[in-house]
Amino acid sequence: MPQTPHEAAAAFFKDSDKTVAFNRLWFNIMRVHRNFYPRIAKDLKKRGVRDLIWHEILWEIERGGAEGRRMSEIEQVLYLPQYALSRHISRMEKEGFLRREYIRDGRRKHVLFLTEKGAGINAEMWPIYQRAIQEELGPLISEEDAYLMSYLLIGILREDENAKA
C-alpha cells in the first residue's frame, strides 16, 4: 500500500521524539537557502544587481504605483529588519533604481518610488532570475511538489501577513 507523504517522511527520519521535526525543518530551510542562493544570484550580479532581495523590493515598490510604497510596508511583507531594508534602499538609491520622499505626519515616514531606471531593471532582471530558479530547482522537484512546499511554507509565516509569493 502506498504511503502518504507524511508517512514516508516519518519513516525516512525514524525519530522517536517527533518534536525533532521542527529542528529538521529549520536546518533544512537554512541549508536549501545557502545551497541555491549563490548560484541563483550569480547571473543577476553580472547585471549590477548586488542582492536578490532587490528584485523583491523593486516589485513591492512597483505594486505601490504612483502612490509609492512606505518602507514600513515593505519591511512587513518581505520580513526584513528595518536596518537591513534601509541599507538596501540606500544602495539602490545610489544606483538610481529608486527615490524616496520623507513624509512627516507625527512620525517620519519614507515613501519609495521607482525611477525610470528602477522600473527598467526589474523588468530586465526577472527573466534572468526566473531562468536561474528554473534551472536550479526544475530538475529536482515536480511542479506539484513545488506548489505544495510553497503552500506549506506560506502557512508558517505570520498570520497578519498576506504572503502570496
N, C-alpha and C. Protein backbone atom coordinates (compact mmCIF):
# COMPACT_ATOMS: atom_id res chain seq x y z
N MET A 1 0.85 -1.18 0.00
CA MET A 1 0.00 0.00 0.00
C MET A 1 0.90 1.25 0.00
N PRO A 2 0.65 2.20 -0.91
CA PRO A 2 1.48 3.41 -0.99
C PRO A 2 1.36 4.27 0.27
N GLN A 3 2.47 4.86 0.63
CA GLN A 3 2.50 5.73 1.81
C GLN A 3 2.11 7.15 1.42
N THR A 4 1.51 7.87 2.38
CA THR A 4 1.28 9.30 2.19
C THR A 4 2.62 10.00 2.36
N PRO A 5 2.73 11.25 1.89
CA PRO A 5 3.99 11.98 2.13
C PRO A 5 4.35 12.07 3.61
N HIS A 6 3.33 12.23 4.47
CA HIS A 6 3.59 12.30 5.91
C HIS A 6 4.19 10.99 6.43
N GLU A 7 3.63 9.87 6.02
CA GLU A 7 4.13 8.56 6.46
C GLU A 7 5.53 8.30 5.91
N ALA A 8 5.75 8.67 4.66
CA ALA A 8 7.06 8.46 4.05
C ALA A 8 8.13 9.27 4.77
N ALA A 9 7.81 10.52 5.12
CA ALA A 9 8.77 11.38 5.82
C ALA A 9 9.09 10.83 7.21
N ALA A 10 8.06 10.42 7.94
CA ALA A 10 8.28 9.87 9.29
C ALA A 10 9.12 8.60 9.22
N ALA A 11 8.85 7.75 8.23
CA ALA A 11 9.63 6.52 8.07
C ALA A 11 11.07 6.82 7.68
N PHE A 12 11.28 7.83 6.89
CA PHE A 12 12.63 8.21 6.45
C PHE A 12 13.47 8.66 7.64
N PHE A 13 12.90 9.52 8.50
CA PHE A 13 13.68 10.07 9.61
C PHE A 13 13.74 9.16 10.82
N LYS A 14 12.72 8.38 11.06
CA LYS A 14 12.69 7.43 12.19
C LYS A 14 13.00 8.09 13.54
N ASP A 15 12.51 9.30 13.76
CA ASP A 15 12.74 9.99 15.03
C ASP A 15 11.80 9.46 16.11
N SER A 16 12.33 9.12 17.25
CA SER A 16 11.47 8.69 18.35
C SER A 16 10.81 9.90 19.00
N ASP A 17 11.50 11.02 18.99
CA ASP A 17 10.95 12.28 19.52
C ASP A 17 10.47 13.11 18.33
N LYS A 18 9.18 13.18 18.15
CA LYS A 18 8.61 13.85 16.97
C LYS A 18 8.84 15.36 16.96
N THR A 19 9.18 15.96 18.12
CA THR A 19 9.45 17.40 18.12
C THR A 19 10.74 17.74 17.37
N VAL A 20 11.56 16.75 17.09
CA VAL A 20 12.78 16.95 16.31
C VAL A 20 12.41 17.44 14.90
N ALA A 21 11.21 17.20 14.47
CA ALA A 21 10.77 17.62 13.14
C ALA A 21 10.95 19.12 12.94
N PHE A 22 10.70 19.91 13.98
CA PHE A 22 10.86 21.36 13.87
C PHE A 22 12.32 21.74 13.64
N ASN A 23 13.23 21.06 14.34
CA ASN A 23 14.66 21.29 14.13
C ASN A 23 15.04 20.94 12.70
N ARG A 24 14.57 19.79 12.24
CA ARG A 24 14.88 19.36 10.88
C ARG A 24 14.38 20.38 9.86
N LEU A 25 13.18 20.87 10.06
CA LEU A 25 12.61 21.86 9.16
C LEU A 25 13.50 23.10 9.12
N TRP A 26 13.83 23.64 10.28
CA TRP A 26 14.64 24.86 10.35
C TRP A 26 15.98 24.69 9.64
N PHE A 27 16.71 23.66 10.01
CA PHE A 27 18.05 23.50 9.44
C PHE A 27 18.00 23.21 7.94
N ASN A 28 16.99 22.50 7.49
CA ASN A 28 16.89 22.24 6.06
C ASN A 28 16.46 23.47 5.28
N ILE A 29 15.63 24.33 5.84
CA ILE A 29 15.32 25.61 5.18
C ILE A 29 16.61 26.40 5.02
N MET A 30 17.41 26.48 6.06
CA MET A 30 18.66 27.23 6.01
C MET A 30 19.64 26.62 4.99
N ARG A 31 19.73 25.31 4.96
CA ARG A 31 20.65 24.65 4.02
C ARG A 31 20.21 24.84 2.58
N VAL A 32 18.92 24.75 2.33
CA VAL A 32 18.41 24.97 0.98
C VAL A 32 18.76 26.39 0.54
N HIS A 33 18.54 27.35 1.41
CA HIS A 33 18.87 28.75 1.09
C HIS A 33 20.36 28.90 0.77
N ARG A 34 21.21 28.37 1.64
CA ARG A 34 22.66 28.52 1.42
C ARG A 34 23.13 27.77 0.17
N ASN A 35 22.46 26.70 -0.18
CA ASN A 35 22.82 25.93 -1.36
C ASN A 35 22.48 26.66 -2.66
N PHE A 36 21.29 27.17 -2.77
CA PHE A 36 20.83 27.73 -4.04
C PHE A 36 21.10 29.22 -4.21
N TYR A 37 21.11 29.95 -3.13
CA TYR A 37 21.22 31.41 -3.21
C TYR A 37 22.42 31.89 -4.03
N PRO A 38 23.64 31.41 -3.75
CA PRO A 38 24.79 31.93 -4.51
C PRO A 38 24.70 31.64 -6.00
N ARG A 39 24.23 30.47 -6.36
CA ARG A 39 24.15 30.11 -7.78
C ARG A 39 23.08 30.90 -8.49
N ILE A 40 21.95 31.12 -7.85
CA ILE A 40 20.87 31.89 -8.48
C ILE A 40 21.27 33.35 -8.58
N ALA A 41 21.99 33.86 -7.59
CA ALA A 41 22.39 35.27 -7.57
C ALA A 41 23.47 35.60 -8.59
N LYS A 42 24.25 34.62 -9.02
CA LYS A 42 25.41 34.86 -9.88
C LYS A 42 25.05 35.64 -11.15
N ASP A 43 24.05 35.23 -11.89
CA ASP A 43 23.69 35.91 -13.14
C ASP A 43 23.19 37.33 -12.90
N LEU A 44 22.46 37.53 -11.81
CA LEU A 44 21.96 38.88 -11.53
C LEU A 44 23.09 39.81 -11.13
N LYS A 45 24.07 39.31 -10.44
CA LYS A 45 25.21 40.14 -10.04
C LYS A 45 25.96 40.64 -11.26
N LYS A 46 26.01 39.83 -12.32
CA LYS A 46 26.65 40.26 -13.56
C LYS A 46 25.93 41.46 -14.16
N ARG A 47 24.65 41.62 -13.85
CA ARG A 47 23.84 42.72 -14.37
C ARG A 47 23.83 43.92 -13.42
N GLY A 48 24.60 43.87 -12.36
CA GLY A 48 24.69 45.00 -11.45
C GLY A 48 23.73 44.94 -10.27
N VAL A 49 23.00 43.85 -10.16
CA VAL A 49 22.07 43.67 -9.04
C VAL A 49 22.84 42.94 -7.95
N ARG A 50 23.13 43.66 -6.88
CA ARG A 50 24.03 43.13 -5.85
C ARG A 50 23.39 42.07 -4.97
N ASP A 51 22.07 42.08 -4.87
CA ASP A 51 21.40 41.16 -3.95
C ASP A 51 20.05 40.77 -4.53
N LEU A 52 19.67 39.51 -4.38
CA LEU A 52 18.39 39.05 -4.91
C LEU A 52 17.20 39.77 -4.29
N ILE A 53 17.35 40.24 -3.08
CA ILE A 53 16.24 40.93 -2.42
C ILE A 53 15.87 42.21 -3.17
N TRP A 54 16.79 42.74 -3.97
CA TRP A 54 16.50 43.96 -4.73
C TRP A 54 15.30 43.75 -5.65
N HIS A 55 15.19 42.58 -6.25
CA HIS A 55 14.04 42.30 -7.12
C HIS A 55 12.75 42.42 -6.31
N GLU A 56 12.71 41.82 -5.14
CA GLU A 56 11.50 41.86 -4.32
C GLU A 56 11.19 43.27 -3.86
N ILE A 57 12.21 44.02 -3.50
CA ILE A 57 11.99 45.41 -3.08
C ILE A 57 11.43 46.22 -4.24
N LEU A 58 12.04 46.08 -5.41
CA LEU A 58 11.54 46.81 -6.59
C LEU A 58 10.11 46.40 -6.92
N TRP A 59 9.82 45.12 -6.81
CA TRP A 59 8.47 44.63 -7.10
C TRP A 59 7.46 45.25 -6.13
N GLU A 60 7.80 45.30 -4.86
CA GLU A 60 6.88 45.87 -3.87
C GLU A 60 6.67 47.37 -4.12
N ILE A 61 7.72 48.07 -4.51
CA ILE A 61 7.57 49.50 -4.83
C ILE A 61 6.69 49.65 -6.07
N GLU A 62 6.93 48.81 -7.05
CA GLU A 62 6.12 48.85 -8.28
C GLU A 62 4.64 48.61 -7.97
N ARG A 63 4.36 47.72 -7.05
CA ARG A 63 2.97 47.44 -6.65
C ARG A 63 2.30 48.67 -6.04
N GLY A 64 3.10 49.58 -5.48
CA GLY A 64 2.56 50.80 -4.91
C GLY A 64 2.09 51.80 -5.95
N GLY A 65 2.51 51.63 -7.20
CA GLY A 65 2.09 52.51 -8.28
C GLY A 65 2.54 53.94 -8.07
N ALA A 66 1.73 54.86 -8.55
CA ALA A 66 2.06 56.29 -8.48
C ALA A 66 2.11 56.80 -7.04
N GLU A 67 1.47 56.09 -6.12
CA GLU A 67 1.45 56.49 -4.71
C GLU A 67 2.72 56.06 -3.97
N GLY A 68 3.52 55.22 -4.61
CA GLY A 68 4.72 54.73 -3.97
C GLY A 68 4.40 53.68 -2.92
N ARG A 69 5.41 53.31 -2.16
CA ARG A 69 5.22 52.30 -1.12
C ARG A 69 6.03 52.71 0.10
N ARG A 70 5.38 52.67 1.26
CA ARG A 70 6.08 53.01 2.50
C ARG A 70 7.09 51.92 2.86
N MET A 71 8.22 52.36 3.37
CA MET A 71 9.25 51.40 3.77
C MET A 71 8.72 50.43 4.81
N SER A 72 7.91 50.91 5.72
CA SER A 72 7.39 50.04 6.77
C SER A 72 6.53 48.91 6.19
N GLU A 73 5.82 49.19 5.11
CA GLU A 73 5.02 48.14 4.47
C GLU A 73 5.93 47.09 3.85
N ILE A 74 6.99 47.54 3.22
CA ILE A 74 7.92 46.61 2.58
C ILE A 74 8.62 45.74 3.64
N GLU A 75 8.98 46.37 4.75
CA GLU A 75 9.56 45.63 5.88
C GLU A 75 8.68 44.45 6.27
N GLN A 76 7.39 44.72 6.43
CA GLN A 76 6.45 43.68 6.85
C GLN A 76 6.30 42.59 5.82
N VAL A 77 6.10 42.97 4.58
CA VAL A 77 5.84 42.00 3.52
C VAL A 77 7.05 41.10 3.26
N LEU A 78 8.24 41.68 3.31
CA LEU A 78 9.45 40.92 2.98
C LEU A 78 10.16 40.34 4.20
N TYR A 79 9.64 40.62 5.40
CA TYR A 79 10.23 40.10 6.63
C TYR A 79 11.69 40.53 6.75
N LEU A 80 11.94 41.78 6.44
CA LEU A 80 13.28 42.34 6.55
C LEU A 80 13.35 43.27 7.76
N PRO A 81 14.40 43.16 8.55
CA PRO A 81 14.54 44.13 9.63
C PRO A 81 14.78 45.52 9.04
N GLN A 82 14.37 46.54 9.76
CA GLN A 82 14.45 47.92 9.28
C GLN A 82 15.87 48.29 8.87
N TYR A 83 16.87 47.91 9.67
CA TYR A 83 18.25 48.28 9.35
C TYR A 83 18.70 47.66 8.02
N ALA A 84 18.30 46.41 7.75
CA ALA A 84 18.70 45.75 6.51
C ALA A 84 18.01 46.39 5.30
N LEU A 85 16.71 46.68 5.45
CA LEU A 85 16.00 47.33 4.36
C LEU A 85 16.59 48.70 4.08
N SER A 86 16.89 49.46 5.12
CA SER A 86 17.49 50.79 4.94
C SER A 86 18.81 50.71 4.18
N ARG A 87 19.61 49.72 4.52
CA ARG A 87 20.89 49.54 3.84
C ARG A 87 20.68 49.25 2.35
N HIS A 88 19.74 48.36 2.05
CA HIS A 88 19.45 48.04 0.64
C HIS A 88 18.89 49.26 -0.09
N ILE A 89 17.99 49.99 0.56
CA ILE A 89 17.38 51.16 -0.06
C ILE A 89 18.45 52.20 -0.39
N SER A 90 19.38 52.42 0.54
CA SER A 90 20.46 53.39 0.29
C SER A 90 21.30 52.98 -0.91
N ARG A 91 21.63 51.71 -1.00
CA ARG A 91 22.43 51.23 -2.13
C ARG A 91 21.66 51.33 -3.44
N MET A 92 20.39 50.98 -3.40
CA MET A 92 19.57 51.03 -4.61
C MET A 92 19.34 52.48 -5.06
N GLU A 93 19.24 53.36 -4.09
CA GLU A 93 19.08 54.78 -4.40
C GLU A 93 20.35 55.31 -5.08
N LYS A 94 21.52 54.91 -4.58
CA LYS A 94 22.79 55.32 -5.20
C LYS A 94 22.91 54.80 -6.63
N GLU A 95 22.35 53.63 -6.88
CA GLU A 95 22.39 53.04 -8.22
C GLU A 95 21.36 53.70 -9.15
N GLY A 96 20.47 54.52 -8.58
CA GLY A 96 19.47 55.22 -9.38
C GLY A 96 18.21 54.41 -9.65
N PHE A 97 17.97 53.34 -8.88
CA PHE A 97 16.80 52.49 -9.10
C PHE A 97 15.53 53.03 -8.44
N LEU A 98 15.71 53.85 -7.41
CA LEU A 98 14.53 54.35 -6.71
C LEU A 98 14.85 55.71 -6.11
N ARG A 99 13.79 56.36 -5.68
CA ARG A 99 13.94 57.61 -4.93
C ARG A 99 13.01 57.51 -3.73
N ARG A 100 13.35 58.27 -2.71
CA ARG A 100 12.49 58.26 -1.52
C ARG A 100 12.08 59.67 -1.17
N GLU A 101 10.90 59.76 -0.60
CA GLU A 101 10.38 61.02 -0.11
C GLU A 101 10.10 60.83 1.37
N TYR A 102 10.32 61.90 2.12
CA TYR A 102 10.06 61.87 3.55
C TYR A 102 8.73 62.58 3.80
N ILE A 103 7.87 61.92 4.52
CA ILE A 103 6.57 62.49 4.86
C ILE A 103 6.52 62.58 6.37
N ARG A 104 6.25 63.76 6.86
CA ARG A 104 6.17 63.95 8.32
C ARG A 104 4.70 64.14 8.69
N ASP A 105 4.23 63.21 9.50
CA ASP A 105 2.85 63.30 9.99
C ASP A 105 2.80 62.81 11.43
N GLY A 106 3.66 63.36 12.22
CA GLY A 106 3.80 62.91 13.60
C GLY A 106 4.94 61.92 13.73
N ARG A 107 5.06 61.06 12.73
CA ARG A 107 6.20 60.14 12.65
C ARG A 107 6.80 60.29 11.27
N ARG A 108 8.08 60.19 11.20
CA ARG A 108 8.72 60.32 9.90
C ARG A 108 8.50 59.03 9.10
N LYS A 109 8.02 59.17 7.89
CA LYS A 109 7.78 58.01 7.03
C LYS A 109 8.58 58.18 5.75
N HIS A 110 9.06 57.09 5.25
CA HIS A 110 9.78 57.07 3.98
C HIS A 110 8.86 56.40 2.96
N VAL A 111 8.58 57.11 1.88
CA VAL A 111 7.80 56.54 0.80
C VAL A 111 8.75 56.37 -0.38
N LEU A 112 8.73 55.19 -0.97
CA LEU A 112 9.65 54.85 -2.05
C LEU A 112 8.94 54.84 -3.39
N PHE A 113 9.64 55.32 -4.40
CA PHE A 113 9.13 55.37 -5.76
C PHE A 113 10.21 54.83 -6.69
N LEU A 114 9.80 54.14 -7.73
CA LEU A 114 10.75 53.68 -8.74
C LEU A 114 11.14 54.84 -9.63
N THR A 115 12.39 54.83 -10.02
CA THR A 115 12.83 55.74 -11.07
C THR A 115 12.63 55.01 -12.41
N GLU A 116 12.86 55.70 -13.48
CA GLU A 116 12.75 55.05 -14.79
C GLU A 116 13.74 53.88 -14.88
N LYS A 117 14.94 54.10 -14.39
CA LYS A 117 15.95 53.03 -14.39
C LYS A 117 15.50 51.86 -13.50
N GLY A 118 14.90 52.16 -12.37
CA GLY A 118 14.45 51.11 -11.46
C GLY A 118 13.37 50.25 -12.07
N ALA A 119 12.41 50.88 -12.75
CA ALA A 119 11.34 50.12 -13.40
C ALA A 119 11.93 49.25 -14.50
N GLY A 120 12.90 49.77 -15.21
CA GLY A 120 13.52 49.02 -16.30
C GLY A 120 14.35 47.85 -15.84
N ILE A 121 15.10 48.02 -14.74
CA ILE A 121 15.98 46.93 -14.28
C ILE A 121 15.17 45.77 -13.74
N ASN A 122 14.05 46.05 -13.10
CA ASN A 122 13.23 44.97 -12.58
C ASN A 122 12.67 44.12 -13.72
N ALA A 123 12.18 44.76 -14.76
CA ALA A 123 11.65 44.03 -15.91
C ALA A 123 12.76 43.26 -16.61
N GLU A 124 13.97 43.80 -16.60
CA GLU A 124 15.11 43.13 -17.23
C GLU A 124 15.59 41.94 -16.41
N MET A 125 15.59 42.09 -15.08
CA MET A 125 16.17 41.04 -14.26
C MET A 125 15.24 39.85 -14.05
N TRP A 126 13.92 40.02 -14.13
CA TRP A 126 13.03 38.90 -13.82
C TRP A 126 13.24 37.69 -14.71
N PRO A 127 13.36 37.83 -16.04
CA PRO A 127 13.59 36.62 -16.85
C PRO A 127 14.89 35.90 -16.48
N ILE A 128 15.92 36.65 -16.11
CA ILE A 128 17.19 36.06 -15.71
C ILE A 128 17.02 35.31 -14.39
N TYR A 129 16.35 35.97 -13.46
CA TYR A 129 16.09 35.38 -12.14
C TYR A 129 15.24 34.13 -12.28
N GLN A 130 14.17 34.23 -13.05
CA GLN A 130 13.27 33.11 -13.23
C GLN A 130 13.99 31.92 -13.88
N ARG A 131 14.80 32.18 -14.90
CA ARG A 131 15.54 31.11 -15.57
C ARG A 131 16.49 30.42 -14.58
N ALA A 132 17.19 31.21 -13.75
CA ALA A 132 18.11 30.63 -12.78
C ALA A 132 17.36 29.74 -11.78
N ILE A 133 16.21 30.20 -11.33
CA ILE A 133 15.40 29.40 -10.40
C ILE A 133 14.97 28.10 -11.06
N GLN A 134 14.47 28.20 -12.30
CA GLN A 134 14.02 27.01 -13.02
C GLN A 134 15.16 26.02 -13.24
N GLU A 135 16.34 26.53 -13.61
CA GLU A 135 17.49 25.64 -13.86
C GLU A 135 17.95 24.94 -12.59
N GLU A 136 17.88 25.64 -11.46
CA GLU A 136 18.32 25.03 -10.20
C GLU A 136 17.29 24.06 -9.63
N LEU A 137 16.03 24.47 -9.60
CA LEU A 137 15.02 23.67 -8.91
C LEU A 137 14.25 22.72 -9.83
N GLY A 138 14.08 23.10 -11.09
CA GLY A 138 13.29 22.31 -12.02
C GLY A 138 13.67 20.84 -12.11
N PRO A 139 14.95 20.53 -12.21
CA PRO A 139 15.33 19.12 -12.31
C PRO A 139 15.17 18.34 -11.00
N LEU A 140 14.97 19.05 -9.89
CA LEU A 140 14.98 18.39 -8.58
C LEU A 140 13.61 18.15 -7.97
N ILE A 141 12.61 18.84 -8.45
CA ILE A 141 11.30 18.77 -7.80
C ILE A 141 10.21 18.99 -8.85
N SER A 142 9.08 18.34 -8.67
CA SER A 142 7.97 18.50 -9.61
C SER A 142 7.23 19.80 -9.34
N GLU A 143 6.47 20.24 -10.32
CA GLU A 143 5.65 21.44 -10.12
C GLU A 143 4.66 21.24 -8.98
N GLU A 144 4.09 20.04 -8.89
CA GLU A 144 3.12 19.74 -7.83
C GLU A 144 3.76 19.88 -6.46
N ASP A 145 4.96 19.32 -6.30
CA ASP A 145 5.64 19.42 -5.01
C ASP A 145 6.08 20.85 -4.72
N ALA A 146 6.46 21.59 -5.75
CA ALA A 146 6.84 23.00 -5.56
C ALA A 146 5.64 23.79 -5.03
N TYR A 147 4.46 23.55 -5.61
CA TYR A 147 3.26 24.22 -5.10
C TYR A 147 2.98 23.82 -3.66
N LEU A 148 3.08 22.52 -3.37
CA LEU A 148 2.80 22.04 -2.02
C LEU A 148 3.78 22.65 -1.01
N MET A 149 5.06 22.64 -1.33
CA MET A 149 6.05 23.19 -0.40
C MET A 149 5.85 24.69 -0.21
N SER A 150 5.54 25.40 -1.29
CA SER A 150 5.26 26.84 -1.18
C SER A 150 4.07 27.09 -0.28
N TYR A 151 3.04 26.33 -0.48
CA TYR A 151 1.82 26.46 0.32
C TYR A 151 2.10 26.20 1.80
N LEU A 152 2.86 25.15 2.08
CA LEU A 152 3.18 24.82 3.47
C LEU A 152 4.06 25.90 4.10
N LEU A 153 5.02 26.43 3.36
CA LEU A 153 5.89 27.48 3.91
C LEU A 153 5.10 28.77 4.17
N ILE A 154 4.21 29.11 3.26
CA ILE A 154 3.36 30.29 3.48
C ILE A 154 2.56 30.11 4.77
N GLY A 155 2.14 28.89 5.03
CA GLY A 155 1.35 28.61 6.23
C GLY A 155 2.08 28.88 7.53
N ILE A 156 3.41 28.87 7.51
CA ILE A 156 4.14 29.12 8.76
C ILE A 156 4.59 30.57 8.90
N LEU A 157 4.26 31.40 7.93
CA LEU A 157 4.54 32.83 8.07
C LEU A 157 3.53 33.45 9.02
N ARG A 158 3.85 34.62 9.51
CA ARG A 158 2.94 35.29 10.43
C ARG A 158 1.55 35.42 9.80
N GLU A 159 0.53 35.22 10.61
CA GLU A 159 -0.84 35.28 10.12
C GLU A 159 -1.25 36.69 9.71
N ASP A 160 -0.61 37.72 10.25
CA ASP A 160 -1.01 39.09 9.93
C ASP A 160 -0.50 39.54 8.56
N GLU A 161 0.12 38.64 7.83
CA GLU A 161 0.70 38.99 6.54
C GLU A 161 -0.03 38.29 5.40
N ASN A 162 -0.17 38.98 4.32
CA ASN A 162 -0.79 38.39 3.13
C ASN A 162 0.31 37.87 2.21
N ALA A 163 0.98 36.84 2.63
CA ALA A 163 2.10 36.29 1.87
C ALA A 163 1.54 35.41 0.75
N LYS A 164 1.66 35.86 -0.44
CA LYS A 164 1.17 35.11 -1.59
C LYS A 164 2.26 34.90 -2.62
N ALA A 165 3.51 34.96 -2.19
CA ALA A 165 4.63 34.88 -3.13
C ALA A 165 4.73 33.50 -3.75
